[in-house]
Full PDB file with SEQRES, HELIX, SHEET, SSBOND, CRYST1, ORIGX, SCALE, CONECT and MASTER records, all heavy atoms in Angstrom:
SEQRES   1 A   31  ASN THR SER GLY SER LEU GLY LYS LYS GLU ARG ARG PRO          
SEQRES   2 A   31  LEU THR VAL PHE SER LEU VAL THR ILE GLY VAL ALA CYS          
SEQRES   3 A   31  LEU THR PRO LEU THR                                          
HELIX    1 AA1 VAL A   16  LEU A   27  1                                  12    
CRYST1    1.000    1.000    1.000  90.00  90.00  90.00 P 1           1          
ORIGX1      1.000000  0.000000  0.000000        0.00000                         
ORIGX2      0.000000  1.000000  0.000000        0.00000                         
ORIGX3      0.000000  0.000000  1.000000        0.00000                         
SCALE1      1.000000  0.000000  0.000000        0.00000                         
SCALE2      0.000000  1.000000  0.000000        0.00000                         
SCALE3      0.000000  0.000000  1.000000        0.00000                         
ATOM      1  N   ASN A   1      17.388 -11.597  21.935  1.00  0.00           N  
ATOM      2  CA  ASN A   1      17.685 -12.943  22.463  1.00  0.00           C  
ATOM      3  C   ASN A   1      16.862 -13.988  21.746  1.00  0.00           C  
ATOM      4  O   ASN A   1      15.893 -13.727  21.064  1.00  0.00           O  
ATOM      5  CB  ASN A   1      17.421 -13.017  23.955  1.00  0.00           C  
ATOM      6  CG  ASN A   1      16.019 -12.596  24.337  1.00  0.00           C  
ATOM      7  OD1 ASN A   1      15.065 -12.983  23.643  1.00  0.00           O  
ATOM      8  ND2 ASN A   1      15.850 -11.861  25.396  1.00  0.00           N  
ATOM      9  N   THR A   2      17.277 -15.229  21.929  1.00  0.00           N  
ATOM     10  CA  THR A   2      16.682 -16.317  21.174  1.00  0.00           C  
ATOM     11  C   THR A   2      15.238 -16.535  21.518  1.00  0.00           C  
ATOM     12  O   THR A   2      14.477 -17.085  20.710  1.00  0.00           O  
ATOM     13  CB  THR A   2      17.455 -17.602  21.440  1.00  0.00           C  
ATOM     14  OG1 THR A   2      17.501 -17.845  22.828  1.00  0.00           O  
ATOM     15  CG2 THR A   2      18.863 -17.492  20.883  1.00  0.00           C  
ATOM     16  N   SER A   3      14.795 -16.100  22.677  1.00  0.00           N  
ATOM     17  CA  SER A   3      13.389 -16.293  23.054  1.00  0.00           C  
ATOM     18  C   SER A   3      12.481 -15.285  22.369  1.00  0.00           C  
ATOM     19  O   SER A   3      11.305 -15.477  22.325  1.00  0.00           O  
ATOM     20  CB  SER A   3      13.219 -16.169  24.567  1.00  0.00           C  
ATOM     21  OG  SER A   3      13.555 -14.849  24.989  1.00  0.00           O  
ATOM     22  N   GLY A   4      13.077 -14.217  21.827  1.00  0.00           N  
ATOM     23  CA  GLY A   4      12.254 -13.179  21.221  1.00  0.00           C  
ATOM     24  C   GLY A   4      12.631 -12.892  19.810  1.00  0.00           C  
ATOM     25  O   GLY A   4      12.330 -11.833  19.283  1.00  0.00           O  
ATOM     26  N   SER A   5      13.319 -13.765  19.156  1.00  0.00           N  
ATOM     27  CA  SER A   5      13.701 -13.518  17.771  1.00  0.00           C  
ATOM     28  C   SER A   5      13.537 -14.775  16.972  1.00  0.00           C  
ATOM     29  O   SER A   5      13.279 -15.863  17.475  1.00  0.00           O  
ATOM     30  CB  SER A   5      15.163 -13.033  17.719  1.00  0.00           C  
ATOM     31  OG  SER A   5      16.010 -14.063  18.118  1.00  0.00           O  
ATOM     32  N   LEU A   6      13.738 -14.646  15.703  1.00  0.00           N  
ATOM     33  CA  LEU A   6      13.666 -15.799  14.834  1.00  0.00           C  
ATOM     34  C   LEU A   6      14.926 -16.649  15.033  1.00  0.00           C  
ATOM     35  O   LEU A   6      16.037 -16.123  15.114  1.00  0.00           O  
ATOM     36  CB  LEU A   6      13.595 -15.362  13.364  1.00  0.00           C  
ATOM     37  CG  LEU A   6      12.370 -14.575  12.981  1.00  0.00           C  
ATOM     38  CD1 LEU A   6      12.539 -14.077  11.541  1.00  0.00           C  
ATOM     39  CD2 LEU A   6      11.118 -15.384  13.116  1.00  0.00           C  
ATOM     40  N   GLY A   7      14.781 -17.920  15.128  1.00  0.00           N  
ATOM     41  CA  GLY A   7      15.919 -18.796  15.292  1.00  0.00           C  
ATOM     42  C   GLY A   7      16.781 -18.772  14.053  1.00  0.00           C  
ATOM     43  O   GLY A   7      16.360 -18.453  12.966  1.00  0.00           O  
ATOM     44  N   LYS A   8      18.068 -19.103  14.233  1.00  0.00           N  
ATOM     45  CA  LYS A   8      19.019 -18.986  13.120  1.00  0.00           C  
ATOM     46  C   LYS A   8      18.647 -19.942  11.976  1.00  0.00           C  
ATOM     47  O   LYS A   8      18.938 -19.645  10.840  1.00  0.00           O  
ATOM     48  CB  LYS A   8      20.423 -19.304  13.610  1.00  0.00           C  
ATOM     49  CG  LYS A   8      20.956 -18.231  14.554  1.00  0.00           C  
ATOM     50  CD  LYS A   8      22.378 -18.545  14.937  1.00  0.00           C  
ATOM     51  CE  LYS A   8      22.938 -17.470  15.857  1.00  0.00           C  
ATOM     52  NZ  LYS A   8      24.327 -17.780  16.265  1.00  0.00           N  
ATOM     53  N   LYS A   9      18.013 -21.057  12.326  1.00  0.00           N  
ATOM     54  CA  LYS A   9      17.713 -22.076  11.306  1.00  0.00           C  
ATOM     55  C   LYS A   9      16.364 -21.819  10.654  1.00  0.00           C  
ATOM     56  O   LYS A   9      15.983 -22.533   9.730  1.00  0.00           O  
ATOM     57  CB  LYS A   9      17.757 -23.447  11.913  1.00  0.00           C  
ATOM     58  CG  LYS A   9      19.136 -23.862  12.382  1.00  0.00           C  
ATOM     59  CD  LYS A   9      19.126 -25.284  12.922  1.00  0.00           C  
ATOM     60  CE  LYS A   9      20.495 -25.694  13.414  1.00  0.00           C  
ATOM     61  NZ  LYS A   9      20.522 -27.096  13.945  1.00  0.00           N  
ATOM     62  N   GLU A  10      15.604 -20.832  11.161  1.00  0.00           N  
ATOM     63  CA  GLU A  10      14.290 -20.589  10.624  1.00  0.00           C  
ATOM     64  C   GLU A  10      14.389 -19.661   9.414  1.00  0.00           C  
ATOM     65  O   GLU A  10      15.291 -18.887   9.279  1.00  0.00           O  
ATOM     66  CB  GLU A  10      13.364 -20.006  11.687  1.00  0.00           C  
ATOM     67  CG  GLU A  10      13.111 -20.969  12.840  1.00  0.00           C  
ATOM     68  CD  GLU A  10      12.040 -20.454  13.764  1.00  0.00           C  
ATOM     69  OE1 GLU A  10      11.064 -19.847  13.255  1.00  0.00           O  
ATOM     70  OE2 GLU A  10      12.159 -20.617  14.966  1.00  0.00           O  
ATOM     71  N   ARG A  11      13.391 -19.742   8.626  1.00  0.00           N  
ATOM     72  CA  ARG A  11      13.357 -18.983   7.350  1.00  0.00           C  
ATOM     73  C   ARG A  11      13.155 -17.503   7.616  1.00  0.00           C  
ATOM     74  O   ARG A  11      12.259 -17.098   8.370  1.00  0.00           O  
ATOM     75  CB  ARG A  11      12.226 -19.533   6.478  1.00  0.00           C  
ATOM     76  CG  ARG A  11      12.027 -18.757   5.163  1.00  0.00           C  
ATOM     77  CD  ARG A  11      10.951 -19.406   4.371  1.00  0.00           C  
ATOM     78  NE  ARG A  11      10.625 -18.628   3.201  1.00  0.00           N  
ATOM     79  CZ  ARG A  11       9.678 -17.701   3.148  1.00  0.00           C  
ATOM     80  NH1 ARG A  11       8.960 -17.479   4.199  1.00  0.00           N  
ATOM     81  NH2 ARG A  11       9.439 -17.039   2.038  1.00  0.00           N  
ATOM     82  N   ARG A  12      13.966 -16.675   7.016  1.00  0.00           N  
ATOM     83  CA  ARG A  12      13.843 -15.219   7.117  1.00  0.00           C  
ATOM     84  C   ARG A  12      13.071 -14.746   5.896  1.00  0.00           C  
ATOM     85  O   ARG A  12      13.540 -14.850   4.786  1.00  0.00           O  
ATOM     86  CB  ARG A  12      15.213 -14.597   7.151  1.00  0.00           C  
ATOM     87  CG  ARG A  12      16.145 -15.178   8.167  1.00  0.00           C  
ATOM     88  CD  ARG A  12      15.927 -14.598   9.528  1.00  0.00           C  
ATOM     89  NE  ARG A  12      16.914 -15.103  10.471  1.00  0.00           N  
ATOM     90  CZ  ARG A  12      17.274 -14.493  11.571  1.00  0.00           C  
ATOM     91  NH1 ARG A  12      16.718 -13.329  11.882  1.00  0.00           N  
ATOM     92  NH2 ARG A  12      18.145 -15.014  12.406  1.00  0.00           N  
ATOM     93  N   PRO A  13      11.894 -14.156   6.078  1.00  0.00           N  
ATOM     94  CA  PRO A  13      11.043 -13.858   4.922  1.00  0.00           C  
ATOM     95  C   PRO A  13      11.426 -12.590   4.160  1.00  0.00           C  
ATOM     96  O   PRO A  13      10.986 -12.422   3.056  1.00  0.00           O  
ATOM     97  CB  PRO A  13       9.665 -13.704   5.556  1.00  0.00           C  
ATOM     98  CG  PRO A  13       9.957 -13.225   6.967  1.00  0.00           C  
ATOM     99  CD  PRO A  13      11.236 -13.870   7.357  1.00  0.00           C  
ATOM    100  N   LEU A  14      12.207 -11.696   4.735  1.00  0.00           N  
ATOM    101  CA  LEU A  14      12.445 -10.404   4.078  1.00  0.00           C  
ATOM    102  C   LEU A  14      13.724 -10.375   3.278  1.00  0.00           C  
ATOM    103  O   LEU A  14      14.812 -10.617   3.792  1.00  0.00           O  
ATOM    104  CB  LEU A  14      12.448  -9.294   5.152  1.00  0.00           C  
ATOM    105  CG  LEU A  14      11.139  -8.990   5.847  1.00  0.00           C  
ATOM    106  CD1 LEU A  14      11.314  -7.793   6.772  1.00  0.00           C  
ATOM    107  CD2 LEU A  14      10.018  -8.752   4.867  1.00  0.00           C  
ATOM    108  N   THR A  15      13.587 -10.053   2.014  1.00  0.00           N  
ATOM    109  CA  THR A  15      14.712  -9.851   1.112  1.00  0.00           C  
ATOM    110  C   THR A  15      14.886  -8.349   0.906  1.00  0.00           C  
ATOM    111  O   THR A  15      14.126  -7.535   1.431  1.00  0.00           O  
ATOM    112  CB  THR A  15      14.483 -10.518  -0.232  1.00  0.00           C  
ATOM    113  OG1 THR A  15      13.317  -9.923  -0.853  1.00  0.00           O  
ATOM    114  CG2 THR A  15      14.245 -12.001  -0.067  1.00  0.00           C  
ATOM    115  N   VAL A  16      15.904  -7.940   0.147  1.00  0.00           N  
ATOM    116  CA  VAL A  16      16.098  -6.517  -0.167  1.00  0.00           C  
ATOM    117  C   VAL A  16      14.884  -5.943  -0.884  1.00  0.00           C  
ATOM    118  O   VAL A  16      14.407  -4.863  -0.580  1.00  0.00           O  
ATOM    119  CB  VAL A  16      17.365  -6.306  -1.004  1.00  0.00           C  
ATOM    120  CG1 VAL A  16      17.483  -4.857  -1.453  1.00  0.00           C  
ATOM    121  CG2 VAL A  16      18.620  -6.687  -0.215  1.00  0.00           C  
ATOM    122  N   PHE A  17      14.325  -6.714  -1.827  1.00  0.00           N  
ATOM    123  CA  PHE A  17      13.145  -6.269  -2.574  1.00  0.00           C  
ATOM    124  C   PHE A  17      11.953  -6.106  -1.618  1.00  0.00           C  
ATOM    125  O   PHE A  17      11.218  -5.118  -1.721  1.00  0.00           O  
ATOM    126  CB  PHE A  17      12.808  -7.249  -3.663  1.00  0.00           C  
ATOM    127  CG  PHE A  17      11.565  -6.878  -4.462  1.00  0.00           C  
ATOM    128  CD1 PHE A  17      11.640  -5.860  -5.409  1.00  0.00           C  
ATOM    129  CD2 PHE A  17      10.375  -7.498  -4.219  1.00  0.00           C  
ATOM    130  CE1 PHE A  17      10.513  -5.487  -6.111  1.00  0.00           C  
ATOM    131  CE2 PHE A  17       9.214  -7.153  -4.934  1.00  0.00           C  
ATOM    132  CZ  PHE A  17       9.281  -6.128  -5.873  1.00  0.00           C  
ATOM    133  N   SER A  18      11.780  -7.022  -0.677  1.00  0.00           N  
ATOM    134  CA  SER A  18      10.699  -6.911   0.270  1.00  0.00           C  
ATOM    135  C   SER A  18      10.868  -5.698   1.145  1.00  0.00           C  
ATOM    136  O   SER A  18       9.876  -4.950   1.414  1.00  0.00           O  
ATOM    137  CB  SER A  18      10.649  -8.182   1.172  1.00  0.00           C  
ATOM    138  OG  SER A  18      10.459  -9.346   0.389  1.00  0.00           O  
ATOM    139  N   LEU A  19      12.079  -5.419   1.583  1.00  0.00           N  
ATOM    140  CA  LEU A  19      12.343  -4.256   2.415  1.00  0.00           C  
ATOM    141  C   LEU A  19      12.076  -2.975   1.636  1.00  0.00           C  
ATOM    142  O   LEU A  19      11.469  -2.002   2.170  1.00  0.00           O  
ATOM    143  CB  LEU A  19      13.785  -4.272   2.897  1.00  0.00           C  
ATOM    144  CG  LEU A  19      14.115  -5.318   3.979  1.00  0.00           C  
ATOM    145  CD1 LEU A  19      15.633  -5.443   4.133  1.00  0.00           C  
ATOM    146  CD2 LEU A  19      13.469  -4.994   5.287  1.00  0.00           C  
ATOM    147  N   VAL A  20      12.495  -2.900   0.393  1.00  0.00           N  
ATOM    148  CA  VAL A  20      12.270  -1.722  -0.415  1.00  0.00           C  
ATOM    149  C   VAL A  20      10.782  -1.513  -0.629  1.00  0.00           C  
ATOM    150  O   VAL A  20      10.274  -0.381  -0.598  1.00  0.00           O  
ATOM    151  CB  VAL A  20      12.995  -1.843  -1.783  1.00  0.00           C  
ATOM    152  CG1 VAL A  20      12.593  -0.695  -2.704  1.00  0.00           C  
ATOM    153  CG2 VAL A  20      14.499  -1.828  -1.568  1.00  0.00           C  
ATOM    154  N   THR A  21      10.020  -2.599  -0.818  1.00  0.00           N  
ATOM    155  CA  THR A  21       8.577  -2.490  -0.954  1.00  0.00           C  
ATOM    156  C   THR A  21       7.954  -1.868   0.270  1.00  0.00           C  
ATOM    157  O   THR A  21       7.097  -0.962   0.154  1.00  0.00           O  
ATOM    158  CB  THR A  21       7.949  -3.886  -1.188  1.00  0.00           C  
ATOM    159  OG1 THR A  21       8.458  -4.422  -2.429  1.00  0.00           O  
ATOM    160  CG2 THR A  21       6.439  -3.803  -1.276  1.00  0.00           C  
ATOM    161  N   ILE A  22       8.356  -2.306   1.448  1.00  0.00           N  
ATOM    162  CA  ILE A  22       7.846  -1.768   2.688  1.00  0.00           C  
ATOM    163  C   ILE A  22       8.273  -0.283   2.831  1.00  0.00           C  
ATOM    164  O   ILE A  22       7.484   0.582   3.235  1.00  0.00           O  
ATOM    165  CB  ILE A  22       8.337  -2.579   3.896  1.00  0.00           C  
ATOM    166  CG1 ILE A  22       7.738  -3.976   3.856  1.00  0.00           C  
ATOM    167  CG2 ILE A  22       7.957  -1.882   5.203  1.00  0.00           C  
ATOM    168  CD1 ILE A  22       8.283  -4.927   4.907  1.00  0.00           C  
ATOM    169  N   GLY A  23       9.541  -0.001   2.456  1.00  0.00           N  
ATOM    170  CA  GLY A  23      10.029   1.374   2.539  1.00  0.00           C  
ATOM    171  C   GLY A  23       9.281   2.312   1.635  1.00  0.00           C  
ATOM    172  O   GLY A  23       8.913   3.421   2.046  1.00  0.00           O  
ATOM    173  N   VAL A  24       9.040   1.919   0.391  1.00  0.00           N  
ATOM    174  CA  VAL A  24       8.298   2.748  -0.557  1.00  0.00           C  
ATOM    175  C   VAL A  24       6.851   2.946  -0.072  1.00  0.00           C  
ATOM    176  O   VAL A  24       6.279   4.032  -0.223  1.00  0.00           O  
ATOM    177  CB  VAL A  24       8.319   2.111  -1.975  1.00  0.00           C  
ATOM    178  CG1 VAL A  24       7.372   2.848  -2.913  1.00  0.00           C  
ATOM    179  CG2 VAL A  24       9.749   2.129  -2.533  1.00  0.00           C  
ATOM    180  N   ALA A  25       6.284   1.897   0.532  1.00  0.00           N  
ATOM    181  CA  ALA A  25       4.938   2.041   1.068  1.00  0.00           C  
ATOM    182  C   ALA A  25       4.906   3.102   2.165  1.00  0.00           C  
ATOM    183  O   ALA A  25       3.934   3.873   2.265  1.00  0.00           O  
ATOM    184  CB  ALA A  25       4.450   0.709   1.598  1.00  0.00           C  
ATOM    185  N   CYS A  26       5.933   3.121   3.013  1.00  0.00           N  
ATOM    186  CA  CYS A  26       6.011   4.139   4.085  1.00  0.00           C  
ATOM    187  C   CYS A  26       6.086   5.547   3.526  1.00  0.00           C  
ATOM    188  O   CYS A  26       5.522   6.480   4.101  1.00  0.00           O  
ATOM    189  CB  CYS A  26       7.225   3.885   4.977  1.00  0.00           C  
ATOM    190  SG  CYS A  26       7.009   2.551   6.184  1.00  0.00           S  
ATOM    191  N   LEU A  27       6.762   5.708   2.386  1.00  0.00           N  
ATOM    192  CA  LEU A  27       6.927   7.040   1.812  1.00  0.00           C  
ATOM    193  C   LEU A  27       5.658   7.614   1.210  1.00  0.00           C  
ATOM    194  O   LEU A  27       5.531   8.824   1.083  1.00  0.00           O  
ATOM    195  CB  LEU A  27       8.023   7.014   0.752  1.00  0.00           C  
ATOM    196  CG  LEU A  27       9.454   6.614   1.177  1.00  0.00           C  
ATOM    197  CD1 LEU A  27      10.409   6.762   0.007  1.00  0.00           C  
ATOM    198  CD2 LEU A  27       9.905   7.433   2.347  1.00  0.00           C  
ATOM    199  N   THR A  28       4.714   6.753   0.825  1.00  0.00           N  
ATOM    200  CA  THR A  28       3.469   7.189   0.185  1.00  0.00           C  
ATOM    201  C   THR A  28       3.750   8.094  -0.993  1.00  0.00           C  
ATOM    202  O   THR A  28       3.526   9.327  -0.924  1.00  0.00           O  
ATOM    203  CB  THR A  28       2.531   7.894   1.188  1.00  0.00           C  
ATOM    204  OG1 THR A  28       2.581   7.232   2.461  1.00  0.00           O  
ATOM    205  CG2 THR A  28       1.100   7.904   0.694  1.00  0.00           C  
ATOM    206  N   PRO A  29       4.255   7.587  -2.104  1.00  0.00           N  
ATOM    207  CA  PRO A  29       4.739   8.406  -3.226  1.00  0.00           C  
ATOM    208  C   PRO A  29       3.730   9.384  -3.815  1.00  0.00           C  
ATOM    209  O   PRO A  29       4.090  10.451  -4.274  1.00  0.00           O  
ATOM    210  CB  PRO A  29       5.168   7.349  -4.278  1.00  0.00           C  
ATOM    211  CG  PRO A  29       5.449   6.127  -3.524  1.00  0.00           C  
ATOM    212  CD  PRO A  29       4.472   6.150  -2.356  1.00  0.00           C  
ATOM    213  N   LEU A  30       2.451   9.042  -3.786  1.00  0.00           N  
ATOM    214  CA  LEU A  30       1.458   9.927  -4.418  1.00  0.00           C  
ATOM    215  C   LEU A  30       1.226  11.219  -3.661  1.00  0.00           C  
ATOM    216  O   LEU A  30       0.447  12.057  -4.101  1.00  0.00           O  
ATOM    217  CB  LEU A  30       0.139   9.172  -4.610  1.00  0.00           C  
ATOM    218  CG  LEU A  30       0.167   7.987  -5.615  1.00  0.00           C  
ATOM    219  CD1 LEU A  30      -1.234   7.468  -5.863  1.00  0.00           C  
ATOM    220  CD2 LEU A  30       0.801   8.403  -6.922  1.00  0.00           C  
ATOM    221  N   THR A  31       1.863  11.383  -2.503  1.00  0.00           N  
ATOM    222  CA  THR A  31       1.709  12.648  -1.768  1.00  0.00           C  
ATOM    223  C   THR A  31       2.272  13.803  -2.532  1.00  0.00           C  
ATOM    224  O   THR A  31       1.971  14.958  -2.188  1.00  0.00           O  
ATOM    225  CB  THR A  31       2.394  12.549  -0.390  1.00  0.00           C  
ATOM    226  OG1 THR A  31       3.768  12.142  -0.592  1.00  0.00           O  
ATOM    227  CG2 THR A  31       1.719  11.559   0.534  1.00  0.00           C  
TER     228      THR A  31                                                      
MASTER        0    0    0    1    0    0    0    6  227    1    0    3          
END                                                                             
Protein backbone atom coordinates (compact mmCIF):
# COMPACT_ATOMS: atom_id res chain seq x y z
CA ASN A 1 0.00 0.00 0.00
CA THR A 2 0.95 3.60 -0.49
CA SER A 3 1.75 4.11 3.17
CA GLY A 4 4.42 1.43 3.07
CA SER A 5 5.92 1.72 -0.38
CA LEU A 6 7.63 4.17 -2.58
CA GLY A 7 5.25 6.61 -4.20
CA LYS A 8 4.76 6.35 -7.94
CA LYS A 9 6.36 9.73 -8.54
CA GLU A 10 9.39 9.03 -6.38
CA ARG A 11 12.68 7.90 -7.77
CA ARG A 12 13.25 4.14 -7.91
CA PRO A 13 16.94 3.52 -7.24
CA LEU A 14 17.30 -0.07 -8.48
CA THR A 15 18.06 -0.86 -12.11
CA VAL A 16 18.71 -4.28 -13.65
CA PHE A 17 22.45 -3.77 -13.13
CA SER A 18 21.88 -2.84 -9.48
CA LEU A 19 19.76 -5.94 -8.95
CA VAL A 20 22.35 -8.18 -10.58
CA THR A 21 25.03 -6.65 -8.35
CA ILE A 22 22.99 -7.50 -5.25
CA GLY A 23 22.26 -10.96 -6.62
CA VAL A 24 25.92 -11.73 -7.36
CA ALA A 25 26.82 -10.49 -3.88
CA CYS A 26 24.31 -12.97 -2.40
CA LEU A 27 25.90 -15.84 -4.33
CA THR A 28 29.40 -15.15 -2.90
CA PRO A 29 31.27 -16.35 -6.04
CA LEU A 30 34.60 -17.08 -4.33
CA THR A 31 33.01 -19.98 -2.42
